[in-house]
Amino acid sequence: MNPQALRWQPGACAKLPPAQDNYNIFNMTEKRFEKLYKRFYGVKEVLGEIKNEMATKNDIHQLMMAIDSYAKRSDTYFQEMVMLSHKVDRHERWFQLFADKLGLKLEY
């Protein structure tokens, strides 16, 4: 802390109000502090609600694991569908070859 700021300066107390107004000043100051307290108390409640609703690291980790699991399963499913499609194409070619050998006309 600055030592110059702690020194008494002439005229610093010269503008103090008369003694009869001290009660009013203290009363006004107390009302201001009450307003500030109410505001900060409201903010404290809102922050408490946000904290209760906020996701934790564990929640995010569980979501990431679920997404990763779904992505893996969907990737496996799509690979199986591609393999199945190739298998069906291969069977259709065989059926076409059998039909040509037997002299049949296949219609789709």
N, C-alpha and C. Protein backbone atom coordinates (compact mmCIF):
# COMPACT_ATOMS: atom_id res chain seq x y z
N MET A 1 0.84 -1.17 0.00
CA MET A 1 0.00 0.00 0.00
C MET A 1 0.89 1.23 0.00
N ASN A 2 0.44 2.27 -0.65
CA ASN A 2 1.20 3.51 -0.78
C ASN A 2 1.21 4.27 0.55
N PRO A 3 2.39 4.58 1.12
CA PRO A 3 2.43 5.30 2.41
C PRO A 3 1.89 6.72 2.28
N GLN A 4 1.96 7.30 1.11
CA GLN A 4 1.43 8.66 0.91
C GLN A 4 -0.09 8.68 1.07
N ALA A 5 -0.74 7.57 0.71
CA ALA A 5 -2.20 7.51 0.79
C ALA A 5 -2.66 7.46 2.24
N LEU A 6 -1.80 7.03 3.16
CA LEU A 6 -2.19 6.92 4.56
C LEU A 6 -2.01 8.24 5.33
N ARG A 7 -1.32 9.17 4.76
CA ARG A 7 -1.10 10.46 5.45
C ARG A 7 -2.36 11.29 5.51
N TRP A 8 -2.46 12.03 6.60
CA TRP A 8 -3.58 12.96 6.73
C TRP A 8 -3.32 14.16 5.86
N GLN A 9 -4.36 14.57 5.14
CA GLN A 9 -4.22 15.73 4.27
C GLN A 9 -5.09 16.85 4.79
N PRO A 10 -4.58 18.07 4.79
CA PRO A 10 -5.35 19.20 5.30
C PRO A 10 -6.63 19.38 4.48
N GLY A 11 -7.70 19.65 5.16
CA GLY A 11 -8.98 19.91 4.50
C GLY A 11 -9.74 18.66 4.13
N ALA A 12 -9.22 17.49 4.46
CA ALA A 12 -9.90 16.25 4.09
C ALA A 12 -11.20 16.09 4.87
N CYS A 13 -11.24 16.56 6.09
CA CYS A 13 -12.44 16.44 6.92
C CYS A 13 -13.24 17.74 6.95
N ALA A 14 -12.84 18.72 6.18
CA ALA A 14 -13.49 20.03 6.24
C ALA A 14 -14.92 19.99 5.75
N LYS A 15 -15.27 19.03 4.92
CA LYS A 15 -16.61 19.01 4.33
C LYS A 15 -17.55 18.05 5.03
N LEU A 16 -17.28 17.69 6.25
CA LEU A 16 -18.19 16.82 6.99
C LEU A 16 -19.48 17.57 7.30
N PRO A 17 -20.63 16.92 7.23
CA PRO A 17 -21.90 17.60 7.52
C PRO A 17 -22.05 17.89 9.01
N PRO A 18 -22.95 18.76 9.34
CA PRO A 18 -23.21 19.05 10.76
C PRO A 18 -23.68 17.80 11.49
N ALA A 19 -23.58 17.79 12.81
CA ALA A 19 -23.90 16.62 13.62
C ALA A 19 -25.35 16.17 13.47
N GLN A 20 -26.30 17.11 13.28
CA GLN A 20 -27.70 16.71 13.18
C GLN A 20 -27.99 15.92 11.91
N ASP A 21 -27.16 16.09 10.88
CA ASP A 21 -27.37 15.35 9.64
C ASP A 21 -26.70 13.98 9.63
N ASN A 22 -25.91 13.70 10.65
CA ASN A 22 -25.21 12.42 10.69
C ASN A 22 -26.19 11.23 10.68
N TYR A 23 -27.30 11.36 11.40
CA TYR A 23 -28.28 10.28 11.44
C TYR A 23 -28.82 10.01 10.04
N ASN A 24 -29.16 11.09 9.32
CA ASN A 24 -29.71 10.93 7.97
C ASN A 24 -28.69 10.29 7.03
N ILE A 25 -27.44 10.71 7.16
CA ILE A 25 -26.41 10.14 6.29
C ILE A 25 -26.23 8.67 6.60
N PHE A 26 -26.15 8.31 7.85
CA PHE A 26 -26.00 6.90 8.21
C PHE A 26 -27.21 6.09 7.78
N ASN A 27 -28.39 6.66 7.91
CA ASN A 27 -29.62 5.98 7.50
C ASN A 27 -29.62 5.75 5.99
N MET A 28 -29.22 6.78 5.23
CA MET A 28 -29.17 6.65 3.77
C MET A 28 -28.12 5.60 3.37
N THR A 29 -26.99 5.62 4.06
CA THR A 29 -25.93 4.65 3.77
C THR A 29 -26.40 3.23 4.07
N GLU A 30 -27.11 3.08 5.17
CA GLU A 30 -27.63 1.76 5.54
C GLU A 30 -28.62 1.28 4.49
N LYS A 31 -29.47 2.17 3.99
CA LYS A 31 -30.44 1.78 2.96
C LYS A 31 -29.72 1.37 1.68
N ARG A 32 -28.65 2.08 1.34
CA ARG A 32 -27.89 1.71 0.15
C ARG A 32 -27.28 0.32 0.31
N PHE A 33 -26.73 0.05 1.48
CA PHE A 33 -26.15 -1.27 1.72
C PHE A 33 -27.22 -2.36 1.70
N GLU A 34 -28.43 -2.04 2.19
CA GLU A 34 -29.51 -3.02 2.14
C GLU A 34 -29.87 -3.33 0.69
N LYS A 35 -29.92 -2.29 -0.16
CA LYS A 35 -30.21 -2.52 -1.58
C LYS A 35 -29.13 -3.38 -2.22
N LEU A 36 -27.88 -3.06 -1.90
CA LEU A 36 -26.78 -3.86 -2.46
C LEU A 36 -26.85 -5.30 -1.97
N TYR A 37 -27.16 -5.47 -0.68
CA TYR A 37 -27.27 -6.82 -0.13
C TYR A 37 -28.36 -7.60 -0.85
N LYS A 38 -29.51 -6.95 -1.08
CA LYS A 38 -30.61 -7.64 -1.77
C LYS A 38 -30.20 -8.03 -3.18
N ARG A 39 -29.50 -7.12 -3.87
CA ARG A 39 -29.05 -7.43 -5.22
C ARG A 39 -28.07 -8.59 -5.22
N PHE A 40 -27.08 -8.52 -4.33
CA PHE A 40 -26.09 -9.58 -4.28
C PHE A 40 -26.70 -10.90 -3.81
N TYR A 41 -27.68 -10.83 -2.93
CA TYR A 41 -28.34 -12.05 -2.50
C TYR A 41 -29.08 -12.68 -3.67
N GLY A 42 -29.73 -11.84 -4.50
CA GLY A 42 -30.40 -12.36 -5.69
C GLY A 42 -29.42 -12.99 -6.66
N VAL A 43 -28.28 -12.35 -6.83
CA VAL A 43 -27.24 -12.89 -7.70
C VAL A 43 -26.74 -14.22 -7.14
N LYS A 44 -26.58 -14.28 -5.82
CA LYS A 44 -26.12 -15.51 -5.18
C LYS A 44 -27.11 -16.65 -5.44
N GLU A 45 -28.40 -16.36 -5.36
CA GLU A 45 -29.40 -17.40 -5.63
C GLU A 45 -29.34 -17.87 -7.08
N VAL A 46 -29.21 -16.90 -8.00
CA VAL A 46 -29.15 -17.26 -9.42
C VAL A 46 -27.90 -18.10 -9.70
N LEU A 47 -26.77 -17.71 -9.12
CA LEU A 47 -25.55 -18.49 -9.31
C LEU A 47 -25.69 -19.88 -8.71
N GLY A 48 -26.39 -19.99 -7.59
CA GLY A 48 -26.63 -21.31 -6.99
C GLY A 48 -27.46 -22.18 -7.91
N GLU A 49 -28.50 -21.59 -8.54
CA GLU A 49 -29.32 -22.36 -9.47
C GLU A 49 -28.51 -22.78 -10.69
N ILE A 50 -27.69 -21.87 -11.20
CA ILE A 50 -26.86 -22.20 -12.35
C ILE A 50 -25.89 -23.32 -12.00
N LYS A 51 -25.32 -23.25 -10.81
CA LYS A 51 -24.38 -24.28 -10.38
C LYS A 51 -25.06 -25.64 -10.28
N ASN A 52 -26.31 -25.65 -9.80
CA ASN A 52 -27.05 -26.91 -9.68
C ASN A 52 -27.36 -27.51 -11.04
N GLU A 53 -27.61 -26.65 -12.04
CA GLU A 53 -27.99 -27.13 -13.37
C GLU A 53 -26.78 -27.36 -14.28
N MET A 54 -25.63 -26.86 -13.90
CA MET A 54 -24.45 -26.94 -14.73
C MET A 54 -23.92 -28.38 -14.79
N ALA A 55 -23.47 -28.77 -15.98
CA ALA A 55 -22.92 -30.11 -16.16
C ALA A 55 -21.55 -30.19 -15.51
N THR A 56 -21.29 -31.32 -14.91
CA THR A 56 -19.99 -31.55 -14.29
C THR A 56 -19.07 -32.23 -15.31
N LYS A 57 -17.81 -32.34 -14.97
CA LYS A 57 -16.86 -33.02 -15.85
C LYS A 57 -17.27 -34.47 -16.04
N ASN A 58 -17.82 -35.08 -15.00
CA ASN A 58 -18.27 -36.47 -15.10
C ASN A 58 -19.44 -36.59 -16.08
N ASP A 59 -20.38 -35.63 -16.02
CA ASP A 59 -21.51 -35.64 -16.95
C ASP A 59 -21.03 -35.53 -18.40
N ILE A 60 -20.09 -34.62 -18.62
CA ILE A 60 -19.56 -34.43 -19.97
C ILE A 60 -18.81 -35.68 -20.43
N HIS A 61 -18.06 -36.28 -19.52
CA HIS A 61 -17.34 -37.51 -19.85
C HIS A 61 -18.31 -38.62 -20.24
N GLN A 62 -19.40 -38.77 -19.48
CA GLN A 62 -20.39 -39.79 -19.81
C GLN A 62 -21.04 -39.54 -21.16
N LEU A 63 -21.32 -38.26 -21.47
CA LEU A 63 -21.89 -37.94 -22.78
C LEU A 63 -20.90 -38.26 -23.90
N MET A 64 -19.64 -37.93 -23.68
CA MET A 64 -18.63 -38.22 -24.70
C MET A 64 -18.51 -39.73 -24.93
N MET A 65 -18.56 -40.49 -23.86
CA MET A 65 -18.48 -41.95 -23.99
C MET A 65 -19.70 -42.49 -24.74
N ALA A 66 -20.88 -41.95 -24.45
CA ALA A 66 -22.09 -42.39 -25.14
C ALA A 66 -22.02 -42.05 -26.62
N ILE A 67 -21.54 -40.86 -26.94
CA ILE A 67 -21.43 -40.45 -28.34
C ILE A 67 -20.41 -41.33 -29.06
N ASP A 68 -19.29 -41.59 -28.41
CA ASP A 68 -18.26 -42.44 -29.00
C ASP A 68 -18.79 -43.85 -29.24
N SER A 69 -19.54 -44.38 -28.28
CA SER A 69 -20.12 -45.71 -28.43
C SER A 69 -21.10 -45.75 -29.60
N TYR A 70 -21.94 -44.71 -29.70
CA TYR A 70 -22.90 -44.65 -30.80
C TYR A 70 -22.18 -44.55 -32.14
N ALA A 71 -21.13 -43.73 -32.21
CA ALA A 71 -20.38 -43.57 -33.46
C ALA A 71 -19.75 -44.90 -33.86
N LYS A 72 -19.22 -45.63 -32.90
CA LYS A 72 -18.60 -46.93 -33.21
C LYS A 72 -19.64 -47.91 -33.73
N ARG A 73 -20.79 -47.97 -33.05
CA ARG A 73 -21.84 -48.89 -33.50
C ARG A 73 -22.37 -48.52 -34.87
N SER A 74 -22.55 -47.22 -35.12
CA SER A 74 -23.06 -46.81 -36.43
C SER A 74 -22.03 -47.08 -37.52
N ASP A 75 -20.74 -46.88 -37.22
CA ASP A 75 -19.70 -47.19 -38.21
C ASP A 75 -19.72 -48.67 -38.54
N THR A 76 -19.82 -49.53 -37.54
CA THR A 76 -19.89 -50.98 -37.76
C THR A 76 -21.13 -51.33 -38.58
N TYR A 77 -22.25 -50.69 -38.27
CA TYR A 77 -23.50 -50.96 -39.00
C TYR A 77 -23.36 -50.58 -40.47
N PHE A 78 -22.78 -49.41 -40.74
CA PHE A 78 -22.65 -48.97 -42.13
C PHE A 78 -21.67 -49.87 -42.90
N GLN A 79 -20.61 -50.34 -42.24
CA GLN A 79 -19.70 -51.29 -42.90
C GLN A 79 -20.42 -52.59 -43.23
N GLU A 80 -21.27 -53.06 -42.31
CA GLU A 80 -22.02 -54.28 -42.57
C GLU A 80 -23.01 -54.09 -43.72
N MET A 81 -23.61 -52.91 -43.81
CA MET A 81 -24.55 -52.64 -44.89
C MET A 81 -23.83 -52.62 -46.24
N VAL A 82 -22.63 -52.08 -46.29
CA VAL A 82 -21.85 -52.07 -47.54
C VAL A 82 -21.51 -53.50 -47.94
N MET A 83 -21.07 -54.31 -46.96
CA MET A 83 -20.74 -55.71 -47.26
C MET A 83 -21.99 -56.47 -47.72
N LEU A 84 -23.12 -56.22 -47.08
CA LEU A 84 -24.36 -56.88 -47.46
C LEU A 84 -24.78 -56.47 -48.87
N SER A 85 -24.59 -55.21 -49.20
CA SER A 85 -24.94 -54.73 -50.54
C SER A 85 -24.08 -55.42 -51.60
N HIS A 86 -22.78 -55.57 -51.32
CA HIS A 86 -21.91 -56.28 -52.25
C HIS A 86 -22.32 -57.74 -52.38
N LYS A 87 -22.72 -58.33 -51.28
CA LYS A 87 -23.15 -59.73 -51.30
C LYS A 87 -24.42 -59.89 -52.15
N VAL A 88 -25.35 -58.99 -52.00
CA VAL A 88 -26.59 -59.04 -52.78
C VAL A 88 -26.29 -58.85 -54.26
N ASP A 89 -25.37 -57.91 -54.58
CA ASP A 89 -24.98 -57.70 -55.98
C ASP A 89 -24.36 -58.97 -56.57
N ARG A 90 -23.52 -59.63 -55.78
CA ARG A 90 -22.87 -60.86 -56.23
C ARG A 90 -23.93 -61.96 -56.47
N HIS A 91 -24.90 -62.07 -55.58
CA HIS A 91 -25.96 -63.08 -55.76
C HIS A 91 -26.81 -62.76 -56.99
N GLU A 92 -27.08 -61.49 -57.22
CA GLU A 92 -27.86 -61.14 -58.41
C GLU A 92 -27.12 -61.52 -59.70
N ARG A 93 -25.78 -61.29 -59.70
CA ARG A 93 -25.00 -61.70 -60.87
C ARG A 93 -25.07 -63.21 -61.06
N TRP A 94 -25.00 -63.97 -59.97
CA TRP A 94 -25.09 -65.42 -60.07
C TRP A 94 -26.46 -65.85 -60.62
N PHE A 95 -27.50 -65.20 -60.07
CA PHE A 95 -28.85 -65.54 -60.57
C PHE A 95 -28.98 -65.23 -62.05
N GLN A 96 -28.36 -64.14 -62.49
CA GLN A 96 -28.41 -63.77 -63.90
C GLN A 96 -27.66 -64.82 -64.73
N LEU A 97 -26.50 -65.27 -64.22
CA LEU A 97 -25.75 -66.32 -64.93
C LEU A 97 -26.54 -67.62 -65.00
N PHE A 98 -27.19 -68.01 -63.90
CA PHE A 98 -28.01 -69.22 -63.90
C PHE A 98 -29.16 -69.09 -64.87
N ALA A 99 -29.78 -67.91 -64.89
CA ALA A 99 -30.92 -67.70 -65.79
C ALA A 99 -30.45 -67.77 -67.24
N ASP A 100 -29.29 -67.19 -67.55
CA ASP A 100 -28.77 -67.25 -68.92
C ASP A 100 -28.47 -68.70 -69.31
N LYS A 101 -27.89 -69.48 -68.43
CA LYS A 101 -27.56 -70.88 -68.71
C LYS A 101 -28.83 -71.70 -68.91
N LEU A 102 -29.89 -71.36 -68.16
CA LEU A 102 -31.15 -72.12 -68.27
C LEU A 102 -32.07 -71.56 -69.32
N GLY A 103 -31.70 -70.44 -69.91
CA GLY A 103 -32.51 -69.84 -70.97
C GLY A 103 -33.72 -69.10 -70.43
N LEU A 104 -33.66 -68.60 -69.20
CA LEU A 104 -34.78 -67.86 -68.59
C LEU A 104 -34.48 -66.36 -68.65
N LYS A 105 -35.56 -65.59 -68.68
CA LYS A 105 -35.40 -64.14 -68.67
C LYS A 105 -35.85 -63.63 -67.28
N LEU A 106 -34.89 -62.99 -66.59
CA LEU A 106 -35.22 -62.44 -65.27
C LEU A 106 -35.70 -61.00 -65.42
N GLU A 107 -36.77 -60.70 -64.68
CA GLU A 107 -37.30 -59.34 -64.69
C GLU A 107 -37.28 -58.79 -63.27
N TYR A 108 -36.92 -57.54 -63.15
CA TYR A 108 -36.85 -56.91 -61.84
C TYR A 108 -37.93 -55.88 -61.72
